[in-house]
PDB file of N, CA and C in Angstrom:
ATOM      1  N   MET A   1       7.020   4.327 -30.316  1.00  0.00           N
ATOM      2  CA  MET A   1       5.802   4.099 -29.559  1.00  0.00           C
ATOM      3  C   MET A   1       5.651   2.626 -29.201  1.00  0.00           C
ATOM      4  N   LYS A   2       6.036   1.743 -30.141  1.00  0.00           N
ATOM      5  CA  LYS A   2       5.903   0.309 -29.865  1.00  0.00           C
ATOM      6  C   LYS A   2       6.874  -0.133 -28.781  1.00  0.00           C
ATOM      7  N   SER A   3       8.064   0.454 -28.731  1.00  0.00           N
ATOM      8  CA  SER A   3       9.022   0.050 -27.700  1.00  0.00           C
ATOM      9  C   SER A   3       8.525   0.445 -26.310  1.00  0.00           C
ATOM     10  N   LEU A   4       7.835   1.588 -26.221  1.00  0.00           N
ATOM     11  CA  LEU A   4       7.263   2.018 -24.949  1.00  0.00           C
ATOM     12  C   LEU A   4       6.159   1.051 -24.523  1.00  0.00           C
ATOM     13  N   PHE A   5       5.353   0.602 -25.481  1.00  0.00           N
ATOM     14  CA  PHE A   5       4.296  -0.364 -25.191  1.00  0.00           C
ATOM     15  C   PHE A   5       4.908  -1.680 -24.705  1.00  0.00           C
ATOM     16  N   LYS A   6       5.956  -2.144 -25.385  1.00  0.00           N
ATOM     17  CA  LYS A   6       6.637  -3.382 -24.969  1.00  0.00           C
ATOM     18  C   LYS A   6       7.221  -3.228 -23.566  1.00  0.00           C
ATOM     19  N   GLN A   7       7.816  -2.079 -23.294  1.00  0.00           N
ATOM     20  CA  GLN A   7       8.408  -1.818 -21.988  1.00  0.00           C
ATOM     21  C   GLN A   7       7.340  -1.862 -20.898  1.00  0.00           C
ATOM     22  N   ASN A   8       6.190  -1.265 -21.158  1.00  0.00           N
ATOM     23  CA  ASN A   8       5.099  -1.278 -20.178  1.00  0.00           C
ATOM     24  C   ASN A   8       4.579  -2.693 -19.942  1.00  0.00           C
ATOM     25  N   ILE A   9       4.458  -3.481 -20.990  1.00  0.00           N
ATOM     26  CA  ILE A   9       4.002  -4.869 -20.851  1.00  0.00           C
ATOM     27  C   ILE A   9       5.001  -5.666 -20.017  1.00  0.00           C
ATOM     28  N   ILE A  10       6.289  -5.482 -20.277  1.00  0.00           N
ATOM     29  CA  ILE A  10       7.319  -6.187 -19.506  1.00  0.00           C
ATOM     30  C   ILE A  10       7.256  -5.775 -18.037  1.00  0.00           C
ATOM     31  N   LEU A  11       7.094  -4.472 -17.769  1.00  0.00           N
ATOM     32  CA  LEU A  11       7.005  -4.007 -16.387  1.00  0.00           C
ATOM     33  C   LEU A  11       5.775  -4.569 -15.685  1.00  0.00           C
ATOM     34  N   LEU A  12       4.628  -4.608 -16.355  1.00  0.00           N
ATOM     35  CA  LEU A  12       3.428  -5.193 -15.762  1.00  0.00           C
ATOM     36  C   LEU A  12       3.622  -6.681 -15.471  1.00  0.00           C
ATOM     37  N   PHE A  13       4.293  -7.375 -16.352  1.00  0.00           N
ATOM     38  CA  PHE A  13       4.584  -8.788 -16.143  1.00  0.00           C
ATOM     39  C   PHE A  13       5.490  -8.975 -14.922  1.00  0.00           C
ATOM     40  N   LEU A  14       6.514  -8.138 -14.802  1.00  0.00           N
ATOM     41  CA  LEU A  14       7.413  -8.229 -13.647  1.00  0.00           C
ATOM     42  C   LEU A  14       6.683  -7.919 -12.345  1.00  0.00           C
ATOM     43  N   ILE A  15       5.783  -6.939 -12.365  1.00  0.00           N
ATOM     44  CA  ILE A  15       4.993  -6.619 -11.172  1.00  0.00           C
ATOM     45  C   ILE A  15       4.134  -7.819 -10.779  1.00  0.00           C
ATOM     46  N   ALA A  16       3.509  -8.447 -11.773  1.00  0.00           N
ATOM     47  CA  ALA A  16       2.680  -9.626 -11.496  1.00  0.00           C
ATOM     48  C   ALA A  16       3.515 -10.739 -10.873  1.00  0.00           C
ATOM     49  N   ILE A  17       4.726 -10.946 -11.369  1.00  0.00           N
ATOM     50  CA  ILE A  17       5.610 -11.977 -10.807  1.00  0.00           C
ATOM     51  C   ILE A  17       5.974 -11.642  -9.367  1.00  0.00           C
ATOM     52  N   ILE A  18       6.310 -10.377  -9.113  1.00  0.00           N
ATOM     53  CA  ILE A  18       6.692  -9.960  -7.762  1.00  0.00           C
ATOM     54  C   ILE A  18       5.537 -10.133  -6.784  1.00  0.00           C
ATOM     55  N   VAL A  19       4.312  -9.876  -7.216  1.00  0.00           N
ATOM     56  CA  VAL A  19       3.152 -10.002  -6.332  1.00  0.00           C
ATOM     57  C   VAL A  19       2.767 -11.465  -6.122  1.00  0.00           C
ATOM     58  N   ILE A  20       2.819 -12.270  -7.165  1.00  0.00           N
ATOM     59  CA  ILE A  20       2.339 -13.652  -7.092  1.00  0.00           C
ATOM     60  C   ILE A  20       3.354 -14.600  -6.448  1.00  0.00           C
ATOM     61  N   THR A  21       4.644 -14.366  -6.638  1.00  0.00           N
ATOM     62  CA  THR A  21       5.674 -15.278  -6.127  1.00  0.00           C
ATOM     63  C   THR A  21       5.568 -15.548  -4.624  1.00  0.00           C
ATOM     64  N   PRO A  22       5.440 -14.536  -3.755  1.00  0.00           N
ATOM     65  CA  PRO A  22       5.310 -14.848  -2.322  1.00  0.00           C
ATOM     66  C   PRO A  22       4.062 -15.666  -2.000  1.00  0.00           C
ATOM     67  N   LEU A  23       2.999 -15.450  -2.752  1.00  0.00           N
ATOM     68  CA  LEU A  23       1.780 -16.210  -2.505  1.00  0.00           C
ATOM     69  C   LEU A  23       1.946 -17.678  -2.877  1.00  0.00           C
ATOM     70  N   ILE A  24       2.757 -17.949  -3.890  1.00  0.00           N
ATOM     71  CA  ILE A  24       3.014 -19.341  -4.289  1.00  0.00           C
ATOM     72  C   ILE A  24       3.985 -19.999  -3.309  1.00  0.00           C
ATOM     73  N   ILE A  25       5.052 -19.288  -2.965  1.00  0.00           N
ATOM     74  CA  ILE A  25       6.081 -19.859  -2.090  1.00  0.00           C
ATOM     75  C   ILE A  25       5.542 -20.093  -0.681  1.00  0.00           C
ATOM     76  N   LYS A  26       4.830 -19.122  -0.136  1.00  0.00           N
ATOM     77  CA  LYS A  26       4.302 -19.206   1.227  1.00  0.00           C
ATOM     78  C   LYS A  26       2.782 -19.172   1.212  1.00  0.00           C
ATOM     79  N   GLY A  27       2.170 -19.975   0.383  1.00  0.00           N
ATOM     80  CA  GLY A  27       0.728 -19.943   0.204  1.00  0.00           C
ATOM     81  C   GLY A  27      -0.076 -20.285   1.441  1.00  0.00           C
ATOM     82  N   ASP A  28       0.479 -21.116   2.338  1.00  0.00           N
ATOM     83  CA  ASP A  28      -0.270 -21.519   3.524  1.00  0.00           C
ATOM     84  C   ASP A  28       0.011 -20.621   4.727  1.00  0.00           C
ATOM     85  N   SER A  29       0.735 -19.540   4.522  1.00  0.00           N
ATOM     86  CA  SER A  29       1.097 -18.644   5.622  1.00  0.00           C
ATOM     87  C   SER A  29       0.040 -17.570   5.826  1.00  0.00           C
ATOM     88  N   GLU A  30       0.038 -17.023   7.032  1.00  0.00           N
ATOM     89  CA  GLU A  30      -0.802 -15.866   7.320  1.00  0.00           C
ATOM     90  C   GLU A  30       0.027 -14.613   7.108  1.00  0.00           C
ATOM     91  N   PHE A  31      -0.522 -13.688   6.377  1.00  0.00           N
ATOM     92  CA  PHE A  31       0.154 -12.425   6.161  1.00  0.00           C
ATOM     93  C   PHE A  31      -0.465 -11.405   7.098  1.00  0.00           C
ATOM     94  N   GLY A  32       0.121 -11.253   8.273  1.00  0.00           N
ATOM     95  CA  GLY A  32      -0.403 -10.337   9.284  1.00  0.00           C
ATOM     96  C   GLY A  32       0.209  -8.961   9.139  1.00  0.00           C
ATOM     97  N   GLY A  33      -0.410  -8.008   9.789  1.00  0.00           N
ATOM     98  CA  GLY A  33       0.077  -6.636   9.725  1.00  0.00           C
ATOM     99  C   GLY A  33       1.139  -6.360  10.771  1.00  0.00           C
ATOM    100  N   ALA A  34       1.780  -5.228  10.629  1.00  0.00           N
ATOM    101  CA  ALA A  34       2.836  -4.821  11.553  1.00  0.00           C
ATOM    102  C   ALA A  34       2.271  -4.480  12.924  1.00  0.00           C
ATOM    103  N   ASP A  35       1.026  -3.998  12.970  1.00  0.00           N
ATOM    104  CA  ASP A  35       0.421  -3.639  14.255  1.00  0.00           C
ATOM    105  C   ASP A  35       0.328  -4.852  15.183  1.00  0.00           C
ATOM    106  N   GLY A  36      -0.124  -5.966  14.659  1.00  0.00           N
ATOM    107  CA  GLY A  36      -0.251  -7.182  15.470  1.00  0.00           C
ATOM    108  C   GLY A  36       1.100  -7.687  15.949  1.00  0.00           C
ATOM    109  N   GLN A  37       2.101  -7.632  15.081  1.00  0.00           N
ATOM    110  CA  GLN A  37       3.439  -8.074  15.462  1.00  0.00           C
ATOM    111  C   GLN A  37       4.020  -7.159  16.532  1.00  0.00           C
ATOM    112  N   ALA A  38       3.830  -5.861  16.392  1.00  0.00           N
ATOM    113  CA  ALA A  38       4.344  -4.914  17.386  1.00  0.00           C
ATOM    114  C   ALA A  38       3.683  -5.145  18.738  1.00  0.00           C
ATOM    115  N   GLU A  39       2.386  -5.407  18.733  1.00  0.00           N
ATOM    116  CA  GLU A  39       1.673  -5.655  19.982  1.00  0.00           C
ATOM    117  C   GLU A  39       2.210  -6.903  20.683  1.00  0.00           C
ATOM    118  N   GLU A  40       2.507  -7.946  19.914  1.00  0.00           N
ATOM    119  CA  GLU A  40       3.065  -9.164  20.503  1.00  0.00           C
ATOM    120  C   GLU A  40       4.427  -8.908  21.140  1.00  0.00           C
ATOM    121  N   VAL A  41       5.283  -8.163  20.446  1.00  0.00           N
ATOM    122  CA  VAL A  41       6.623  -7.871  20.971  1.00  0.00           C
ATOM    123  C   VAL A  41       6.523  -7.031  22.238  1.00  0.00           C
ATOM    124  N   ILE A  42       5.639  -6.039  22.234  1.00  0.00           N
ATOM    125  CA  ILE A  42       5.470  -5.190  23.421  1.00  0.00           C
ATOM    126  C   ILE A  42       4.999  -6.029  24.606  1.00  0.00           C
ATOM    127  N   GLN A  43       4.062  -6.942  24.374  1.00  0.00           N
ATOM    128  CA  GLN A  43       3.557  -7.793  25.456  1.00  0.00           C
ATOM    129  C   GLN A  43       4.645  -8.718  25.987  1.00  0.00           C
ATOM    130  N   GLU A  44       5.561  -9.173  25.110  1.00  0.00           N
ATOM    131  CA  GLU A  44       6.681 -10.009  25.563  1.00  0.00           C
ATOM    132  C   GLU A  44       7.645  -9.204  26.429  1.00  0.00           C
ATOM    133  N   ILE A  45       7.920  -7.965  26.015  1.00  0.00           N
ATOM    134  CA  ILE A  45       8.881  -7.133  26.740  1.00  0.00           C
ATOM    135  C   ILE A  45       8.307  -6.672  28.072  1.00  0.00           C
ATOM    136  N   ASN A  46       7.068  -6.191  28.042  1.00  0.00           N
ATOM    137  CA  ASN A  46       6.449  -5.645  29.249  1.00  0.00           C
ATOM    138  C   ASN A  46       4.981  -6.080  29.303  1.00  0.00           C
ATOM    139  N   PRO A  47       4.699  -7.191  29.987  1.00  0.00           N
ATOM    140  CA  PRO A  47       3.318  -7.692  30.036  1.00  0.00           C
ATOM    141  C   PRO A  47       2.337  -6.728  30.709  1.00  0.00           C
ATOM    142  N   ASP A  48       2.813  -5.793  31.524  1.00  0.00           N
ATOM    143  CA  ASP A  48       1.935  -4.857  32.226  1.00  0.00           C
ATOM    144  C   ASP A  48       1.681  -3.569  31.440  1.00  0.00           C
ATOM    145  N   TYR A  49       2.201  -3.498  30.235  1.00  0.00           N
ATOM    146  CA  TYR A  49       2.067  -2.271  29.440  1.00  0.00           C
ATOM    147  C   TYR A  49       0.599  -1.986  29.130  1.00  0.00           C
ATOM    148  N   GLU A  50       0.228  -0.719  29.288  1.00  0.00           N
ATOM    149  CA  GLU A  50      -1.111  -0.276  28.926  1.00  0.00           C
ATOM    150  C   GLU A  50      -0.974   0.831  27.886  1.00  0.00           C
ATOM    151  N   PRO A  51      -1.743   0.775  26.798  1.00  0.00           N
ATOM    152  CA  PRO A  51      -1.657   1.816  25.762  1.00  0.00           C
ATOM    153  C   PRO A  51      -1.995   3.190  26.325  1.00  0.00           C
ATOM    154  N   TRP A  52      -1.454   4.221  25.710  1.00  0.00           N
ATOM    155  CA  TRP A  52      -1.682   5.590  26.150  1.00  0.00           C
ATOM    156  C   TRP A  52      -3.111   6.023  25.903  1.00  0.00           C
ATOM    157  N   PHE A  53      -3.698   5.531  24.817  1.00  0.00           N
ATOM    158  CA  PHE A  53      -5.088   5.884  24.507  1.00  0.00           C
ATOM    159  C   PHE A  53      -5.720   4.755  23.712  1.00  0.00           C
ATOM    160  N   GLU A  54      -7.019   4.762  23.662  1.00  0.00           N
ATOM    161  CA  GLU A  54      -7.783   3.769  22.904  1.00  0.00           C
ATOM    162  C   GLU A  54      -8.350   4.429  21.652  1.00  0.00           C
ATOM    163  N   SER A  55      -8.637   3.627  20.642  1.00  0.00           N
ATOM    164  CA  SER A  55      -9.269   4.151  19.437  1.00  0.00           C
ATOM    165  C   SER A  55     -10.638   4.697  19.788  1.00  0.00           C
ATOM    166  N   PHE A  56     -10.996   5.834  19.195  1.00  0.00           N
ATOM    167  CA  PHE A  56     -12.303   6.412  19.497  1.00  0.00           C
ATOM    168  C   PHE A  56     -13.415   5.728  18.709  1.00  0.00           C
ATOM    169  N   TRP A  57     -13.056   4.963  17.647  1.00  0.00           N
ATOM    170  CA  TRP A  57     -14.052   4.223  16.874  1.00  0.00           C
ATOM    171  C   TRP A  57     -13.427   2.947  16.341  1.00  0.00           C
ATOM    172  N   GLU A  58     -14.079   1.858  16.543  1.00  0.00           N
ATOM    173  CA  GLU A  58     -13.618   0.557  16.059  1.00  0.00           C
ATOM    174  C   GLU A  58     -14.547   0.133  14.925  1.00  0.00           C
ATOM    175  N   PRO A  59     -14.014  -0.170  13.732  1.00  0.00           N
ATOM    176  CA  PRO A  59     -14.887  -0.609  12.641  1.00  0.00           C
ATOM    177  C   PRO A  59     -15.655  -1.870  13.052  1.00  0.00           C
ATOM    178  N   PRO A  60     -16.917  -1.994  12.609  1.00  0.00           N
ATOM    179  CA  PRO A  60     -17.745  -3.115  13.031  1.00  0.00           C
ATOM    180  C   PRO A  60     -17.233  -4.485  12.569  1.00  0.00           C
ATOM    181  N   SER A  61     -16.462  -4.517  11.469  1.00  0.00           N
ATOM    182  CA  SER A  61     -15.950  -5.809  11.001  1.00  0.00           C
ATOM    183  C   SER A  61     -14.630  -5.619  10.271  1.00  0.00           C
ATOM    184  N   GLY A  62     -13.946  -6.725  10.049  1.00  0.00           N
ATOM    185  CA  GLY A  62     -12.671  -6.679   9.329  1.00  0.00           C
ATOM    186  C   GLY A  62     -12.839  -6.238   7.892  1.00  0.00           C
ATOM    187  N   GLU A  63     -14.003  -6.567   7.296  1.00  0.00           N
ATOM    188  CA  GLU A  63     -14.249  -6.177   5.912  1.00  0.00           C
ATOM    189  C   GLU A  63     -14.356  -4.662   5.780  1.00  0.00           C
ATOM    190  N   ILE A  64     -15.025  -4.038   6.727  1.00  0.00           N
ATOM    191  CA  ILE A  64     -15.162  -2.575   6.683  1.00  0.00           C
ATOM    192  C   ILE A  64     -13.804  -1.922   6.930  1.00  0.00           C
ATOM    193  N   GLU A  65     -13.024  -2.504   7.826  1.00  0.00           N
ATOM    194  CA  GLU A  65     -11.679  -1.980   8.062  1.00  0.00           C
ATOM    195  C   GLU A  65     -10.843  -2.066   6.788  1.00  0.00           C
ATOM    196  N   SER A  66     -10.929  -3.195   6.072  1.00  0.00           N
ATOM    197  CA  SER A  66     -10.209  -3.353   4.813  1.00  0.00           C
ATOM    198  C   SER A  66     -10.712  -2.366   3.762  1.00  0.00           C
ATOM    199  N   LEU A  67     -12.030  -2.158   3.720  1.00  0.00           N
ATOM    200  CA  LEU A  67     -12.610  -1.204   2.789  1.00  0.00           C
ATOM    201  C   LEU A  67     -12.075   0.200   3.043  1.00  0.00           C
ATOM    202  N   LEU A  68     -12.048   0.610   4.296  1.00  0.00           N
ATOM    203  CA  LEU A  68     -11.554   1.945   4.634  1.00  0.00           C
ATOM    204  C   LEU A  68     -10.072   2.094   4.300  1.00  0.00           C
ATOM    205  N   PHE A  69      -9.299   1.035   4.551  1.00  0.00           N
ATOM    206  CA  PHE A  69      -7.878   1.068   4.219  1.00  0.00           C
ATOM    207  C   PHE A  69      -7.700   1.176   2.707  1.00  0.00           C
ATOM    208  N   SER A  70      -8.481   0.399   1.952  1.00  0.00           N
ATOM    209  CA  SER A  70      -8.394   0.451   0.490  1.00  0.00           C
ATOM    210  C   SER A  70      -8.793   1.824  -0.033  1.00  0.00           C
ATOM    211  N   LEU A  71      -9.810   2.414   0.562  1.00  0.00           N
ATOM    212  CA  LEU A  71     -10.234   3.750   0.170  1.00  0.00           C
ATOM    213  C   LEU A  71      -9.128   4.772   0.430  1.00  0.00           C
ATOM    214  N   GLN A  72      -8.470   4.631   1.559  1.00  0.00           N
ATOM    215  CA  GLN A  72      -7.355   5.523   1.896  1.00  0.00           C
ATOM    216  C   GLN A  72      -6.229   5.367   0.870  1.00  0.00           C
ATOM    217  N   VAL A  73      -5.931   4.145   0.487  1.00  0.00           N
ATOM    218  CA  VAL A  73      -4.880   3.887  -0.508  1.00  0.00           C
ATOM    219  C   VAL A  73      -5.267   4.494  -1.857  1.00  0.00           C
ATOM    220  N   ALA A  74      -6.523   4.307  -2.262  1.00  0.00           N
ATOM    221  CA  ALA A  74      -6.975   4.835  -3.551  1.00  0.00           C
ATOM    222  C   ALA A  74      -6.906   6.359  -3.585  1.00  0.00           C
ATOM    223  N   ILE A  75      -7.322   7.001  -2.521  1.00  0.00           N
ATOM    224  CA  ILE A  75      -7.263   8.469  -2.457  1.00  0.00           C
ATOM    225  C   ILE A  75      -5.809   8.939  -2.512  1.00  0.00           C
ATOM    226  N   GLY A  76      -4.934   8.280  -1.767  1.00  0.00           N
ATOM    227  CA  GLY A  76      -3.515   8.656  -1.784  1.00  0.00           C
ATOM    228  C   GLY A  76      -2.888   8.456  -3.152  1.00  0.00           C
ATOM    229  N   ALA A  77      -3.193   7.324  -3.803  1.00  0.00           N
ATOM    230  CA  ALA A  77      -2.640   7.059  -5.137  1.00  0.00           C
ATOM    231  C   ALA A  77      -3.171   8.078  -6.142  1.00  0.00           C
ATOM    232  N   GLY A  78      -4.459   8.411  -6.043  1.00  0.00           N
ATOM    233  CA  GLY A  78      -5.025   9.415  -6.945  1.00  0.00           C
ATOM    234  C   GLY A  78      -4.378  10.772  -6.756  1.00  0.00           C
ATOM    235  N   LEU A  79      -4.153  11.138  -5.518  1.00  0.00           N
ATOM    236  CA  LEU A  79      -3.522  12.422  -5.222  1.00  0.00           C
ATOM    237  C   LEU A  79      -2.085  12.466  -5.748  1.00  0.00           C
ATOM    238  N   ILE A  80      -1.346  11.402  -5.518  1.00  0.00           N
ATOM    239  CA  ILE A  80       0.038  11.360  -6.023  1.00  0.00           C
ATOM    240  C   ILE A  80       0.049  11.393  -7.543  1.00  0.00           C
ATOM    241  N   GLY A  81      -0.851  10.635  -8.195  1.00  0.00           N
ATOM    242  CA  GLY A  81      -0.936  10.653  -9.654  1.00  0.00           C
ATOM    243  C   GLY A  81      -1.280  12.036 -10.190  1.00  0.00           C
ATOM    244  N   TYR A  82      -2.220  12.710  -9.535  1.00  0.00           N
ATOM    245  CA  TYR A  82      -2.597  14.059  -9.949  1.00  0.00           C
ATOM    246  C   TYR A  82      -1.407  15.011  -9.842  1.00  0.00           C
ATOM    247  N   ILE A  83      -0.707  14.964  -8.715  1.00  0.00           N
ATOM    248  CA  ILE A  83       0.438  15.856  -8.506  1.00  0.00           C
ATOM    249  C   ILE A  83       1.520  15.589  -9.545  1.00  0.00           C
ATOM    250  N   LEU A  84       1.814  14.312  -9.808  1.00  0.00           N
ATOM    251  CA  LEU A  84       2.829  13.991 -10.822  1.00  0.00           C
ATOM    252  C   LEU A  84       2.395  14.463 -12.207  1.00  0.00           C
ATOM    253  N   GLY A  85       1.105  14.327 -12.523  1.00  0.00           N
ATOM    254  CA  GLY A  85       0.605  14.810 -13.809  1.00  0.00           C
ATOM    255  C   GLY A  85       0.735  16.310 -13.955  1.00  0.00           C
ATOM    256  N   VAL A  86       0.386  17.050 -12.904  1.00  0.00           N
ATOM    257  CA  VAL A  86       0.513  18.512 -12.934  1.00  0.00           C
ATOM    258  C   VAL A  86       1.971  18.911 -13.101  1.00  0.00           C
ATOM    259  N   LEU A  87       2.863  18.260 -12.356  1.00  0.00           N
ATOM    260  CA  LEU A  87       4.285  18.597 -12.468  1.00  0.00           C
ATOM    261  C   LEU A  87       4.824  18.276 -13.857  1.00  0.00           C
ATOM    262  N   LYS A  88       4.375  17.170 -14.449  1.00  0.00           N
ATOM    263  CA  LYS A  88       4.827  16.806 -15.793  1.00  0.00           C
ATOM    264  C   LYS A  88       4.362  17.843 -16.811  1.00  0.00           C
ATOM    265  N   GLU A  89       3.112  18.274 -16.721  1.00  0.00           N
ATOM    266  CA  GLU A  89       2.594  19.278 -17.648  1.00  0.00           C
ATOM    267  C   GLU A  89       3.311  20.619 -17.478  1.00  0.00           C
ATOM    268  N   ARG A  90       3.591  20.997 -16.232  1.00  0.00           N
ATOM    269  CA  ARG A  90       4.335  22.240 -16.002  1.00  0.00           C
ATOM    270  C   ARG A  90       5.720  22.162 -16.620  1.00  0.00           C
ATOM    271  N   TYR A  91       6.343  20.986 -16.520  1.00  0.00           N
ATOM    272  CA  TYR A  91       7.676  20.786 -17.095  1.00  0.00           C
ATOM    273  C   TYR A  91       7.610  20.898 -18.616  1.00  0.00           C
ATOM    274  N   LYS A  92       6.556  20.312 -19.222  1.00  0.00           N
ATOM    275  CA  LYS A  92       6.391  20.399 -20.691  1.00  0.00           C
ATOM    276  C   LYS A  92       6.217  21.849 -21.121  1.00  0.00           C
ATOM    277  N   VAL A  93       5.379  22.602 -20.396  1.00  0.00           N
ATOM    278  CA  VAL A  93       5.144  23.998 -20.720  1.00  0.00           C
ATOM    279  C   VAL A  93       6.428  24.802 -20.595  1.00  0.00           C
ATOM    280  N   ALA A  94       7.206  24.534 -19.557  1.00  0.00           N
ATOM    281  CA  ALA A  94       8.453  25.259 -19.345  1.00  0.00           C
ATOM    282  C   ALA A  94       9.452  24.966 -20.465  1.00  0.00           C
ATOM    283  N   LEU A  95       9.445  23.755 -20.994  1.00  0.00           N
ATOM    284  CA  LEU A  95      10.366  23.411 -22.088  1.00  0.00           C
ATOM    285  C   LEU A  95       9.971  24.073 -23.406  1.00  0.00           C
ATOM    286  N   ASN A  96       8.680  24.307 -23.600  1.00  0.00           N
ATOM    287  CA  ASN A  96       8.197  24.881 -24.858  1.00  0.00           C
ATOM    288  C   ASN A  96       8.333  26.393 -24.921  1.00  0.00           C
ATOM    289  N   ARG A  97       8.750  27.027 -23.863  1.00  0.00           N
ATOM    290  CA  ARG A  97       8.908  28.499 -23.866  1.00  0.00           C
ATOM    291  C   ARG A  97      10.129  28.910 -24.586  1.00  0.00           C
TER     292      ARG A  97
END
């Protein structure tokens, strides 16, 4: 049990390093999304390009957009965690038969 705890602590430490390192190395950089970069490339290739459709609703601010994105991530992570938990329990039950 202690080795599993040590392993989890080491993994959390490595995750923290992976997340923090780019922020230290490129701290003064802007971390933009892929949508903005794609739009710039499209405008360079074809300045007359017009999108096929427009968004039917634009969030009132960047904070609300970030909130909605975070909510989407949380729901997806919860769903994946639930599915993995159910599959793990089914596997345990199948082994005990």
